[in-house]
N, C-alpha and C. Protein backbone atom coordinates (compact mmCIF):
# COMPACT_ATOMS: atom_id res chain seq x y z
N MET A 1 -3.10 -22.37 -15.82
CA MET A 1 -2.22 -21.71 -14.88
C MET A 1 -1.55 -22.76 -14.01
N PHE A 2 -0.35 -22.42 -13.55
CA PHE A 2 0.36 -23.33 -12.67
C PHE A 2 1.36 -22.53 -11.84
N ILE A 3 1.88 -23.18 -10.81
CA ILE A 3 2.87 -22.57 -9.92
C ILE A 3 4.25 -23.03 -10.39
N LYS A 4 5.15 -22.10 -10.56
CA LYS A 4 6.52 -22.41 -10.97
C LYS A 4 7.45 -21.98 -9.84
N ARG A 5 8.26 -22.93 -9.37
CA ARG A 5 9.21 -22.65 -8.29
C ARG A 5 10.60 -22.59 -8.89
N ASN A 6 11.28 -21.49 -8.70
CA ASN A 6 12.64 -21.30 -9.23
C ASN A 6 13.63 -21.30 -8.07
N ARG A 7 14.77 -21.96 -8.28
CA ARG A 7 15.87 -21.92 -7.31
C ARG A 7 17.15 -21.64 -8.08
N SER A 8 17.98 -20.77 -7.54
CA SER A 8 19.28 -20.51 -8.16
C SER A 8 20.30 -20.22 -7.07
N VAL A 9 21.55 -20.50 -7.38
CA VAL A 9 22.64 -20.24 -6.45
C VAL A 9 23.56 -19.21 -7.10
N GLN A 10 23.75 -18.11 -6.41
CA GLN A 10 24.63 -17.05 -6.91
C GLN A 10 25.54 -16.60 -5.79
N GLY A 11 26.81 -16.70 -6.02
CA GLY A 11 27.78 -16.29 -5.01
C GLY A 11 27.67 -17.10 -3.73
N GLY A 12 27.33 -18.37 -3.85
CA GLY A 12 27.20 -19.23 -2.69
C GLY A 12 25.92 -19.04 -1.91
N LYS A 13 25.04 -18.18 -2.36
CA LYS A 13 23.77 -17.91 -1.68
C LYS A 13 22.62 -18.45 -2.54
N THR A 14 21.67 -19.13 -1.90
CA THR A 14 20.54 -19.71 -2.62
C THR A 14 19.37 -18.73 -2.63
N TYR A 15 18.82 -18.52 -3.81
CA TYR A 15 17.67 -17.64 -4.00
C TYR A 15 16.51 -18.46 -4.56
N GLY A 16 15.30 -18.10 -4.20
CA GLY A 16 14.15 -18.81 -4.70
C GLY A 16 12.99 -17.87 -4.96
N SER A 17 12.11 -18.29 -5.86
CA SER A 17 10.90 -17.51 -6.13
C SER A 17 9.78 -18.47 -6.47
N VAL A 18 8.57 -18.03 -6.20
CA VAL A 18 7.37 -18.80 -6.52
C VAL A 18 6.52 -17.90 -7.41
N LEU A 19 6.25 -18.37 -8.63
CA LEU A 19 5.53 -17.57 -9.61
C LEU A 19 4.24 -18.24 -10.02
N LEU A 20 3.20 -17.44 -10.25
CA LEU A 20 1.96 -17.92 -10.86
C LEU A 20 2.11 -17.67 -12.35
N VAL A 21 2.08 -18.75 -13.14
CA VAL A 21 2.39 -18.67 -14.56
C VAL A 21 1.22 -19.19 -15.38
N GLU A 22 1.03 -18.59 -16.55
CA GLU A 22 0.00 -19.03 -17.48
C GLU A 22 0.69 -19.41 -18.79
N GLY A 23 0.34 -20.56 -19.32
CA GLY A 23 0.86 -20.99 -20.61
C GLY A 23 -0.11 -20.59 -21.71
N VAL A 24 0.37 -19.89 -22.72
CA VAL A 24 -0.46 -19.43 -23.83
C VAL A 24 0.12 -19.98 -25.13
N ARG A 25 -0.73 -20.58 -25.97
CA ARG A 25 -0.29 -21.11 -27.25
C ARG A 25 -0.33 -19.98 -28.28
N GLU A 26 0.83 -19.74 -28.92
CA GLU A 26 0.95 -18.68 -29.92
C GLU A 26 1.47 -19.27 -31.22
N PRO A 27 1.08 -18.70 -32.36
CA PRO A 27 1.59 -19.22 -33.64
C PRO A 27 3.08 -18.92 -33.78
N VAL A 28 3.79 -19.85 -34.39
CA VAL A 28 5.22 -19.68 -34.65
C VAL A 28 5.37 -18.85 -35.92
N ILE A 29 6.31 -17.92 -35.89
CA ILE A 29 6.56 -17.11 -37.08
C ILE A 29 7.20 -18.03 -38.13
N ARG A 30 6.57 -18.11 -39.28
CA ARG A 30 7.05 -19.05 -40.30
C ARG A 30 8.16 -18.41 -41.12
N SER A 31 8.89 -19.24 -41.79
CA SER A 31 9.98 -18.77 -42.63
C SER A 31 9.39 -18.10 -43.88
N PRO A 32 10.18 -17.24 -44.53
CA PRO A 32 9.66 -16.54 -45.71
C PRO A 32 9.33 -17.54 -46.83
N GLY A 33 8.46 -17.11 -47.69
CA GLY A 33 8.04 -17.94 -48.82
C GLY A 33 6.62 -18.41 -48.63
N ARG A 34 6.11 -19.00 -49.63
CA ARG A 34 4.73 -19.46 -49.61
C ARG A 34 4.66 -20.82 -48.89
N PRO A 35 3.75 -20.94 -47.90
CA PRO A 35 3.65 -22.23 -47.22
C PRO A 35 2.95 -23.25 -48.11
N PRO A 36 3.22 -24.53 -47.90
CA PRO A 36 2.53 -25.56 -48.67
C PRO A 36 1.03 -25.46 -48.45
N LYS A 37 0.28 -25.85 -49.48
CA LYS A 37 -1.17 -25.80 -49.40
C LYS A 37 -1.65 -26.74 -48.29
N ASP A 38 -2.63 -26.29 -47.52
CA ASP A 38 -3.21 -27.05 -46.41
C ASP A 38 -2.19 -27.42 -45.33
N ALA A 39 -1.13 -26.64 -45.19
CA ALA A 39 -0.14 -26.91 -44.14
C ALA A 39 -0.71 -26.46 -42.79
N PRO A 40 -0.55 -27.29 -41.74
CA PRO A 40 -1.06 -26.89 -40.43
C PRO A 40 -0.26 -25.69 -39.88
N ILE A 41 -0.92 -24.88 -39.13
CA ILE A 41 -0.26 -23.72 -38.52
C ILE A 41 0.51 -24.22 -37.30
N LYS A 42 1.80 -23.95 -37.27
CA LYS A 42 2.62 -24.39 -36.15
C LYS A 42 2.46 -23.40 -35.00
N THR A 43 2.40 -23.96 -33.79
CA THR A 43 2.27 -23.12 -32.60
C THR A 43 3.29 -23.56 -31.56
N ARG A 44 3.46 -22.70 -30.56
CA ARG A 44 4.33 -23.02 -29.43
C ARG A 44 3.70 -22.45 -28.17
N VAL A 45 4.07 -22.98 -27.03
CA VAL A 45 3.54 -22.52 -25.75
C VAL A 45 4.52 -21.50 -25.17
N VAL A 46 3.98 -20.35 -24.82
CA VAL A 46 4.78 -19.28 -24.22
C VAL A 46 4.25 -19.07 -22.80
N HIS A 47 5.15 -18.99 -21.83
CA HIS A 47 4.75 -18.80 -20.44
C HIS A 47 4.77 -17.32 -20.08
N HIS A 48 3.67 -16.86 -19.50
CA HIS A 48 3.55 -15.47 -19.03
C HIS A 48 3.42 -15.50 -17.51
N THR A 49 4.27 -14.76 -16.82
CA THR A 49 4.18 -14.67 -15.36
C THR A 49 3.05 -13.71 -15.00
N LEU A 50 2.09 -14.21 -14.21
CA LEU A 50 0.95 -13.39 -13.79
C LEU A 50 1.20 -12.70 -12.45
N ALA A 51 1.91 -13.40 -11.55
CA ALA A 51 2.14 -12.83 -10.22
C ALA A 51 3.34 -13.50 -9.56
N ASN A 52 4.03 -12.73 -8.75
CA ASN A 52 5.11 -13.27 -7.92
C ASN A 52 4.52 -13.56 -6.55
N LEU A 53 4.48 -14.83 -6.17
CA LEU A 53 3.86 -15.24 -4.91
C LEU A 53 4.89 -15.50 -3.82
N SER A 54 6.13 -15.12 -4.04
CA SER A 54 7.22 -15.49 -3.14
C SER A 54 7.01 -15.04 -1.70
N ARG A 55 6.36 -13.94 -1.49
CA ARG A 55 6.21 -13.42 -0.13
C ARG A 55 4.96 -13.92 0.57
N LEU A 56 4.16 -14.71 -0.11
CA LEU A 56 2.95 -15.25 0.52
C LEU A 56 3.31 -16.41 1.43
N PRO A 57 2.51 -16.66 2.47
CA PRO A 57 2.77 -17.81 3.34
C PRO A 57 2.57 -19.11 2.56
N GLU A 58 3.35 -20.13 2.91
CA GLU A 58 3.34 -21.40 2.20
C GLU A 58 1.95 -22.05 2.15
N PRO A 59 1.14 -22.00 3.23
CA PRO A 59 -0.20 -22.60 3.12
C PRO A 59 -1.06 -21.94 2.04
N LEU A 60 -0.92 -20.64 1.87
CA LEU A 60 -1.69 -19.93 0.85
C LEU A 60 -1.19 -20.30 -0.55
N ILE A 61 0.12 -20.44 -0.71
CA ILE A 61 0.67 -20.87 -1.99
C ILE A 61 0.17 -22.27 -2.33
N ALA A 62 0.15 -23.16 -1.33
CA ALA A 62 -0.34 -24.53 -1.56
C ALA A 62 -1.81 -24.51 -1.97
N LEU A 63 -2.60 -23.64 -1.37
CA LEU A 63 -4.02 -23.53 -1.72
C LEU A 63 -4.19 -23.04 -3.16
N ILE A 64 -3.41 -22.03 -3.56
CA ILE A 64 -3.46 -21.53 -4.94
C ILE A 64 -3.04 -22.63 -5.91
N GLU A 65 -2.03 -23.39 -5.54
CA GLU A 65 -1.56 -24.47 -6.40
C GLU A 65 -2.63 -25.55 -6.58
N GLN A 66 -3.36 -25.85 -5.51
CA GLN A 66 -4.46 -26.83 -5.61
C GLN A 66 -5.53 -26.33 -6.58
N TYR A 67 -5.89 -25.08 -6.49
CA TYR A 67 -6.90 -24.52 -7.40
C TYR A 67 -6.41 -24.57 -8.86
N CYS A 68 -5.11 -24.29 -9.05
CA CYS A 68 -4.57 -24.35 -10.41
C CYS A 68 -4.63 -25.76 -10.98
N GLN A 69 -4.51 -26.75 -10.13
CA GLN A 69 -4.55 -28.14 -10.57
C GLN A 69 -5.98 -28.67 -10.67
N GLY A 70 -6.94 -27.82 -10.35
CA GLY A 70 -8.34 -28.23 -10.44
C GLY A 70 -8.83 -28.98 -9.22
N LYS A 71 -8.04 -29.00 -8.17
CA LYS A 71 -8.44 -29.67 -6.93
C LYS A 71 -8.99 -28.63 -5.97
N VAL A 72 -10.27 -28.71 -5.74
CA VAL A 72 -10.89 -27.78 -4.80
C VAL A 72 -10.80 -28.42 -3.42
N PRO A 73 -10.14 -27.76 -2.47
CA PRO A 73 -10.00 -28.37 -1.15
C PRO A 73 -11.35 -28.55 -0.46
N THR A 74 -11.46 -29.62 0.27
CA THR A 74 -12.69 -29.89 1.01
C THR A 74 -12.45 -29.60 2.49
N GLY A 75 -13.53 -29.46 3.21
CA GLY A 75 -13.40 -29.19 4.64
C GLY A 75 -13.26 -27.71 4.91
N ALA A 76 -12.75 -27.44 6.08
CA ALA A 76 -12.62 -26.04 6.51
C ALA A 76 -11.52 -25.34 5.72
N ALA A 77 -11.77 -24.11 5.39
CA ALA A 77 -10.78 -23.32 4.67
C ALA A 77 -9.61 -23.00 5.60
N PRO A 78 -8.41 -22.97 5.06
CA PRO A 78 -7.27 -22.62 5.91
C PRO A 78 -7.39 -21.18 6.38
N PRO A 79 -6.86 -20.90 7.56
CA PRO A 79 -6.97 -19.53 8.06
C PRO A 79 -6.19 -18.57 7.17
N VAL A 80 -6.81 -17.45 6.86
CA VAL A 80 -6.16 -16.42 6.06
C VAL A 80 -6.02 -15.19 6.95
N HIS A 81 -4.82 -14.70 7.05
CA HIS A 81 -4.56 -13.53 7.88
C HIS A 81 -4.54 -12.28 7.00
N LEU A 82 -5.41 -11.34 7.30
CA LEU A 82 -5.44 -10.08 6.57
C LEU A 82 -4.55 -9.08 7.29
N GLY A 83 -3.75 -8.38 6.55
CA GLY A 83 -2.88 -7.36 7.13
C GLY A 83 -3.66 -6.09 7.41
N PRO A 84 -2.98 -5.10 7.93
CA PRO A 84 -3.66 -3.84 8.24
C PRO A 84 -4.08 -3.10 6.97
N CYS A 85 -5.13 -2.29 7.09
CA CYS A 85 -5.63 -1.47 5.98
C CYS A 85 -4.58 -0.39 5.69
N TYR A 86 -4.19 -0.30 4.44
CA TYR A 86 -3.08 0.58 4.06
C TYR A 86 -3.53 1.80 3.26
N GLY A 87 -4.49 1.63 2.36
CA GLY A 87 -4.81 2.63 1.36
C GLY A 87 -5.23 3.99 1.90
N VAL A 88 -6.11 4.01 2.89
CA VAL A 88 -6.64 5.28 3.41
C VAL A 88 -5.52 6.14 3.97
N LEU A 89 -4.69 5.56 4.85
CA LEU A 89 -3.62 6.34 5.46
C LEU A 89 -2.56 6.74 4.44
N ALA A 90 -2.22 5.83 3.53
CA ALA A 90 -1.21 6.15 2.53
C ALA A 90 -1.69 7.28 1.62
N GLY A 91 -2.95 7.25 1.23
CA GLY A 91 -3.49 8.31 0.38
C GLY A 91 -3.52 9.65 1.09
N LEU A 92 -3.96 9.65 2.34
CA LEU A 92 -4.00 10.90 3.10
C LEU A 92 -2.59 11.43 3.37
N HIS A 93 -1.65 10.51 3.62
CA HIS A 93 -0.27 10.94 3.89
C HIS A 93 0.37 11.54 2.63
N ALA A 94 0.08 10.96 1.48
CA ALA A 94 0.61 11.53 0.23
C ALA A 94 0.03 12.91 -0.02
N LEU A 95 -1.25 13.08 0.22
CA LEU A 95 -1.90 14.38 0.05
C LEU A 95 -1.31 15.41 1.02
N ALA A 96 -1.13 15.00 2.28
CA ALA A 96 -0.56 15.92 3.28
C ALA A 96 0.87 16.31 2.90
N GLY A 97 1.61 15.37 2.31
CA GLY A 97 2.96 15.69 1.86
C GLY A 97 2.95 16.72 0.74
N GLU A 98 2.03 16.57 -0.22
CA GLU A 98 1.93 17.52 -1.33
C GLU A 98 1.51 18.91 -0.84
N LEU A 99 0.66 18.95 0.18
CA LEU A 99 0.20 20.24 0.70
C LEU A 99 1.22 20.91 1.62
N GLY A 100 2.29 20.19 1.98
CA GLY A 100 3.31 20.75 2.85
C GLY A 100 3.05 20.55 4.32
N LEU A 101 2.00 19.81 4.67
CA LEU A 101 1.65 19.61 6.07
C LEU A 101 2.68 18.74 6.79
N VAL A 102 3.18 17.72 6.13
CA VAL A 102 4.17 16.82 6.74
C VAL A 102 5.43 17.61 7.08
N ALA A 103 5.91 18.42 6.15
CA ALA A 103 7.12 19.22 6.38
C ALA A 103 6.88 20.28 7.45
N ALA A 104 5.70 20.87 7.48
CA ALA A 104 5.40 21.92 8.45
C ALA A 104 5.38 21.37 9.88
N LEU A 105 4.89 20.17 10.05
CA LEU A 105 4.82 19.60 11.39
C LEU A 105 6.19 19.09 11.85
N GLY A 106 6.94 18.48 10.95
CA GLY A 106 8.26 17.98 11.31
C GLY A 106 8.27 16.48 11.48
N PRO A 107 9.46 15.92 11.81
CA PRO A 107 9.63 14.48 11.81
C PRO A 107 9.48 13.79 13.17
N ASP A 108 9.31 14.53 14.26
CA ASP A 108 9.32 13.84 15.55
C ASP A 108 8.00 13.13 15.85
N ARG A 109 7.99 12.35 16.94
CA ARG A 109 6.85 11.49 17.28
C ARG A 109 5.58 12.30 17.50
N SER A 110 5.67 13.42 18.17
CA SER A 110 4.48 14.24 18.41
C SER A 110 3.87 14.74 17.11
N ALA A 111 4.73 15.09 16.15
CA ALA A 111 4.25 15.54 14.84
C ALA A 111 3.53 14.41 14.12
N LYS A 112 4.08 13.21 14.22
CA LYS A 112 3.45 12.06 13.57
C LYS A 112 2.11 11.72 14.23
N LEU A 113 2.05 11.87 15.54
CA LEU A 113 0.77 11.64 16.23
C LEU A 113 -0.25 12.70 15.82
N ALA A 114 0.20 13.94 15.65
CA ALA A 114 -0.70 15.00 15.19
C ALA A 114 -1.21 14.69 13.78
N LEU A 115 -0.31 14.23 12.90
CA LEU A 115 -0.73 13.84 11.56
C LEU A 115 -1.76 12.71 11.63
N PHE A 116 -1.51 11.72 12.49
CA PHE A 116 -2.46 10.62 12.62
C PHE A 116 -3.83 11.15 13.05
N MET A 117 -3.85 12.10 13.99
CA MET A 117 -5.15 12.64 14.44
C MET A 117 -5.88 13.34 13.29
N ILE A 118 -5.13 14.02 12.43
CA ILE A 118 -5.74 14.68 11.27
C ILE A 118 -6.33 13.62 10.35
N TYR A 119 -5.56 12.58 10.05
CA TYR A 119 -6.03 11.52 9.16
C TYR A 119 -7.24 10.81 9.75
N ALA A 120 -7.20 10.56 11.05
CA ALA A 120 -8.32 9.88 11.71
C ALA A 120 -9.57 10.76 11.67
N ARG A 121 -9.41 12.06 11.80
CA ARG A 121 -10.56 12.98 11.75
C ARG A 121 -11.18 12.98 10.36
N VAL A 122 -10.32 12.93 9.32
CA VAL A 122 -10.83 12.94 7.95
C VAL A 122 -11.50 11.61 7.61
N ALA A 123 -10.84 10.50 7.93
CA ALA A 123 -11.32 9.18 7.51
C ALA A 123 -12.33 8.57 8.46
N TRP A 124 -12.21 8.87 9.72
CA TRP A 124 -13.09 8.26 10.73
C TRP A 124 -13.30 9.28 11.82
N GLN A 125 -14.51 9.79 11.96
CA GLN A 125 -14.75 10.90 12.89
C GLN A 125 -15.26 10.38 14.23
N GLY A 126 -14.34 10.26 15.16
CA GLY A 126 -14.70 9.77 16.48
C GLY A 126 -13.83 10.40 17.55
N SER A 127 -13.87 9.83 18.73
CA SER A 127 -13.11 10.35 19.87
C SER A 127 -11.64 9.96 19.74
N ARG A 128 -10.80 10.46 20.67
CA ARG A 128 -9.38 10.09 20.69
C ARG A 128 -9.25 8.59 20.98
N LEU A 129 -10.03 8.08 21.94
CA LEU A 129 -9.99 6.65 22.24
C LEU A 129 -10.45 5.84 21.03
N GLY A 130 -11.47 6.31 20.36
CA GLY A 130 -11.94 5.64 19.14
C GLY A 130 -10.89 5.65 18.05
N ALA A 131 -10.12 6.74 17.95
CA ALA A 131 -9.06 6.83 16.95
C ALA A 131 -7.96 5.82 17.24
N VAL A 132 -7.65 5.63 18.52
CA VAL A 132 -6.65 4.63 18.90
C VAL A 132 -7.13 3.25 18.50
N ARG A 133 -8.40 2.96 18.74
CA ARG A 133 -8.96 1.65 18.35
C ARG A 133 -8.99 1.52 16.83
N TRP A 134 -9.30 2.60 16.13
CA TRP A 134 -9.31 2.60 14.66
C TRP A 134 -7.91 2.31 14.13
N ALA A 135 -6.88 2.81 14.81
CA ALA A 135 -5.49 2.62 14.37
C ALA A 135 -5.07 1.17 14.41
N GLU A 136 -5.71 0.36 15.26
CA GLU A 136 -5.34 -1.05 15.37
C GLU A 136 -5.54 -1.80 14.07
N ASP A 137 -6.49 -1.36 13.23
CA ASP A 137 -6.79 -2.04 11.97
C ASP A 137 -6.12 -1.37 10.77
N HIS A 138 -5.33 -0.34 11.01
CA HIS A 138 -4.73 0.41 9.90
C HIS A 138 -3.21 0.41 10.00
N ALA A 139 -2.56 0.66 8.89
CA ALA A 139 -1.10 0.55 8.77
C ALA A 139 -0.40 1.81 9.28
N VAL A 140 -0.64 2.15 10.53
CA VAL A 140 -0.04 3.36 11.11
C VAL A 140 1.47 3.22 11.20
N ALA A 141 1.95 2.04 11.59
CA ALA A 141 3.40 1.84 11.70
C ALA A 141 4.07 1.90 10.34
N GLU A 142 3.42 1.33 9.33
CA GLU A 142 4.01 1.29 8.00
C GLU A 142 3.99 2.65 7.31
N VAL A 143 2.92 3.42 7.50
CA VAL A 143 2.79 4.70 6.80
C VAL A 143 3.48 5.83 7.57
N LEU A 144 3.25 5.91 8.86
CA LEU A 144 3.77 7.03 9.65
C LEU A 144 5.01 6.66 10.48
N GLY A 145 5.31 5.38 10.59
CA GLY A 145 6.44 4.97 11.42
C GLY A 145 6.13 5.08 12.90
N LEU A 146 4.87 5.00 13.27
CA LEU A 146 4.47 5.09 14.67
C LEU A 146 4.23 3.69 15.24
N GLU A 147 4.86 3.42 16.36
CA GLU A 147 4.58 2.17 17.05
C GLU A 147 3.38 2.40 17.97
N ALA A 148 3.15 1.51 18.88
CA ALA A 148 1.96 1.55 19.73
C ALA A 148 1.81 2.90 20.45
N PHE A 149 0.56 3.35 20.55
CA PHE A 149 0.26 4.58 21.28
C PHE A 149 -1.14 4.45 21.84
N ASP A 150 -1.45 5.32 22.81
CA ASP A 150 -2.78 5.31 23.39
C ASP A 150 -3.35 6.73 23.37
N GLU A 151 -4.54 6.88 23.94
CA GLU A 151 -5.19 8.20 23.89
C GLU A 151 -4.41 9.25 24.67
N ASP A 152 -3.68 8.85 25.71
CA ASP A 152 -2.86 9.82 26.46
C ASP A 152 -1.76 10.39 25.57
N ASP A 153 -1.19 9.56 24.70
CA ASP A 153 -0.20 10.05 23.75
C ASP A 153 -0.81 11.08 22.81
N LEU A 154 -2.06 10.84 22.39
CA LEU A 154 -2.73 11.79 21.50
C LEU A 154 -2.99 13.12 22.21
N TYR A 155 -3.37 13.07 23.49
CA TYR A 155 -3.59 14.31 24.24
C TYR A 155 -2.27 15.08 24.43
N ARG A 156 -1.15 14.35 24.64
CA ARG A 156 0.15 15.02 24.72
C ARG A 156 0.52 15.65 23.38
N ALA A 157 0.15 14.99 22.28
CA ALA A 157 0.40 15.55 20.95
C ALA A 157 -0.40 16.83 20.74
N LEU A 158 -1.61 16.90 21.32
CA LEU A 158 -2.40 18.13 21.24
C LEU A 158 -1.70 19.26 21.98
N ASP A 159 -1.11 18.95 23.14
CA ASP A 159 -0.33 19.96 23.86
C ASP A 159 0.87 20.42 23.03
N TRP A 160 1.53 19.47 22.36
CA TRP A 160 2.65 19.81 21.48
C TRP A 160 2.19 20.72 20.35
N LEU A 161 1.03 20.42 19.77
CA LEU A 161 0.49 21.26 18.69
C LEU A 161 0.25 22.69 19.18
N GLN A 162 -0.30 22.82 20.38
CA GLN A 162 -0.56 24.15 20.92
C GLN A 162 0.76 24.91 21.10
N ALA A 163 1.77 24.23 21.61
CA ALA A 163 3.07 24.89 21.84
C ALA A 163 3.75 25.28 20.52
N ASN A 164 3.48 24.55 19.44
CA ASN A 164 4.14 24.79 18.16
C ASN A 164 3.21 25.44 17.13
N GLN A 165 2.05 25.91 17.56
CA GLN A 165 1.04 26.42 16.64
C GLN A 165 1.57 27.56 15.76
N GLU A 166 2.24 28.51 16.35
CA GLU A 166 2.70 29.67 15.57
C GLU A 166 3.71 29.26 14.50
N ARG A 167 4.65 28.38 14.85
CA ARG A 167 5.65 27.90 13.89
C ARG A 167 4.98 27.14 12.74
N ILE A 168 4.01 26.30 13.06
CA ILE A 168 3.30 25.51 12.04
C ILE A 168 2.50 26.43 11.13
N GLU A 169 1.81 27.41 11.72
CA GLU A 169 1.02 28.35 10.90
C GLU A 169 1.92 29.14 9.95
N ARG A 170 3.09 29.57 10.44
CA ARG A 170 4.02 30.30 9.57
C ARG A 170 4.50 29.42 8.42
N ALA A 171 4.75 28.15 8.72
CA ALA A 171 5.22 27.23 7.66
C ALA A 171 4.13 26.96 6.63
N LEU A 172 2.88 26.95 7.05
CA LEU A 172 1.77 26.65 6.14
C LEU A 172 1.23 27.88 5.42
N ALA A 173 1.51 29.07 5.95
CA ALA A 173 0.97 30.29 5.35
C ALA A 173 1.56 30.49 3.96
N PRO A 174 0.72 30.91 3.03
CA PRO A 174 1.25 31.17 1.68
C PRO A 174 2.21 32.36 1.71
N LYS A 175 3.19 32.31 0.85
CA LYS A 175 4.16 33.40 0.75
C LYS A 175 3.54 34.50 -0.10
N LEU A 176 3.34 35.65 0.50
CA LEU A 176 2.68 36.76 -0.18
C LEU A 176 3.66 37.62 -0.95
N GLU A 177 3.20 38.11 -2.08
CA GLU A 177 3.96 39.10 -2.81
C GLU A 177 3.72 40.45 -2.13
N PRO A 178 4.66 41.38 -2.23
CA PRO A 178 4.45 42.69 -1.61
C PRO A 178 3.16 43.34 -2.11
N GLY A 179 2.36 43.85 -1.19
CA GLY A 179 1.12 44.53 -1.54
C GLY A 179 -0.09 43.60 -1.62
N ALA A 180 0.11 42.29 -1.50
CA ALA A 180 -1.02 41.34 -1.57
C ALA A 180 -1.76 41.34 -0.24
N ALA A 181 -3.04 41.05 -0.30
CA ALA A 181 -3.87 40.99 0.91
C ALA A 181 -4.89 39.88 0.77
N PHE A 182 -5.29 39.32 1.91
CA PHE A 182 -6.35 38.32 1.94
C PHE A 182 -7.63 38.98 2.41
N LEU A 183 -8.72 38.74 1.73
CA LEU A 183 -10.02 39.25 2.14
C LEU A 183 -10.91 38.04 2.44
N TYR A 184 -11.64 38.14 3.52
CA TYR A 184 -12.55 37.07 3.83
C TYR A 184 -13.79 37.64 4.48
N ASP A 185 -14.89 36.91 4.38
CA ASP A 185 -16.18 37.36 4.87
C ASP A 185 -16.43 36.78 6.26
N VAL A 186 -16.74 37.64 7.22
CA VAL A 186 -17.02 37.17 8.58
C VAL A 186 -18.48 37.37 8.93
N TYR A 187 -19.30 37.74 7.94
CA TYR A 187 -20.71 37.99 8.18
C TYR A 187 -21.42 36.68 8.47
N SER A 188 -22.28 36.69 9.47
CA SER A 188 -23.09 35.51 9.74
C SER A 188 -24.48 35.98 10.19
N GLU A 189 -25.46 35.17 9.95
CA GLU A 189 -26.84 35.55 10.32
C GLU A 189 -27.24 34.94 11.63
């Protein structure tokens, strides 16, 4: 494996990419006919791109390049910055979209805060202050488009939910055919 750096100029603008590439030796397709007896098999090296590293920070690319060259760096490891956790919120947001919850709540900030509280309750069950702290490690801005918020914002979103409860319930209620009824059991011991 090796790092391949590409540069090109198109329309007066310079573009570049950094690729992680692997060279693989493959047999060459021979011409028709019978090959000579004991003829060596001809091969060629074909490059396969394994990953596009263009968006990684340069120190990390340099570290990957050293490993590809067989040079294991000595001393302290370079600092690696981990981004926010994305998967949990993205998965819950996709599910909420399929269930119609995102559309029922609407696009404004209070609706997004309400969605965040739902996701936080499902993924991490704690207080409103704990949910705000939990949000610091998760991709709330990337998934929901929410910038910084605190527990007071969440309490205001609860007030918004109460004021819009009937509209949200109507949007989420299944559309009944004429004559249909819901039956449910309220018996408890």
